[in-house]
Amino acid sequence: MARQKRWMTTVVKEAAKAEFKMPWARGANREAFIAKRNAKPVLRAASA
């Protein structure tokens, strides 16, 4: 059982060191992407 406890301790320690962005933490970049995606397309006149 001691081995499992040591394993769990190591997993928790490594998880705390993780440095990746979660989807809800992206802030301004995500908002800008969503605004761009939801923007109405600009209709262009066909040139002859």
Protein backbone atom coordinates (compact mmCIF):
# COMPACT_ATOMS: atom_id res chain seq x y z
CA MET A 1 0.00 0.00 0.00
CA ALA A 2 2.88 2.38 0.63
CA ARG A 3 3.81 2.16 -3.05
CA GLN A 4 0.37 3.36 -4.16
CA LYS A 5 0.57 6.31 -1.76
CA ARG A 6 3.97 7.30 -3.16
CA TRP A 7 2.59 7.02 -6.69
CA MET A 8 -0.38 9.22 -5.83
CA THR A 9 1.88 11.80 -4.20
CA THR A 10 4.00 11.94 -7.34
CA VAL A 11 0.95 12.30 -9.59
CA VAL A 12 -0.44 15.16 -7.51
CA LYS A 13 2.94 16.90 -7.47
CA GLU A 14 3.31 16.64 -11.26
CA ALA A 15 -0.26 17.83 -11.83
CA ALA A 16 0.47 20.93 -9.79
CA LYS A 17 3.45 21.72 -12.06
CA ALA A 18 1.40 21.48 -15.26
CA GLU A 19 1.46 24.72 -17.26
CA PHE A 20 -1.21 24.50 -19.93
CA LYS A 21 -4.11 26.78 -20.61
CA MET A 22 -7.57 25.57 -19.85
CA PRO A 23 -10.34 26.62 -22.27
CA TRP A 24 -11.95 28.96 -19.76
CA ALA A 25 -8.64 30.68 -18.95
CA ARG A 26 -7.82 31.92 -22.45
CA GLY A 27 -9.60 35.22 -21.92
CA ALA A 28 -9.10 37.85 -24.61
CA ASN A 29 -7.84 35.48 -27.32
CA ARG A 30 -10.94 33.31 -27.02
CA GLU A 31 -13.30 36.28 -26.97
CA ALA A 32 -11.68 37.72 -30.11
CA PHE A 33 -11.99 34.38 -31.92
CA ILE A 34 -15.65 34.01 -30.97
CA ALA A 35 -16.42 37.59 -32.06
CA LYS A 36 -14.69 36.97 -35.40
CA ARG A 37 -16.55 33.69 -35.89
CA ASN A 38 -19.91 35.24 -35.07
CA ALA A 39 -19.38 38.37 -37.19
CA LYS A 40 -21.64 38.73 -40.19
CA PRO A 41 -19.81 38.11 -43.47
CA VAL A 42 -19.21 41.12 -45.67
CA LEU A 43 -20.99 40.77 -48.98
CA ARG A 44 -18.87 41.85 -51.92
CA ALA A 45 -20.25 43.01 -55.22
CA ALA A 46 -19.21 40.82 -58.12
CA SER A 47 -16.81 42.68 -60.39
CA ALA A 48 -17.38 42.30 -64.10
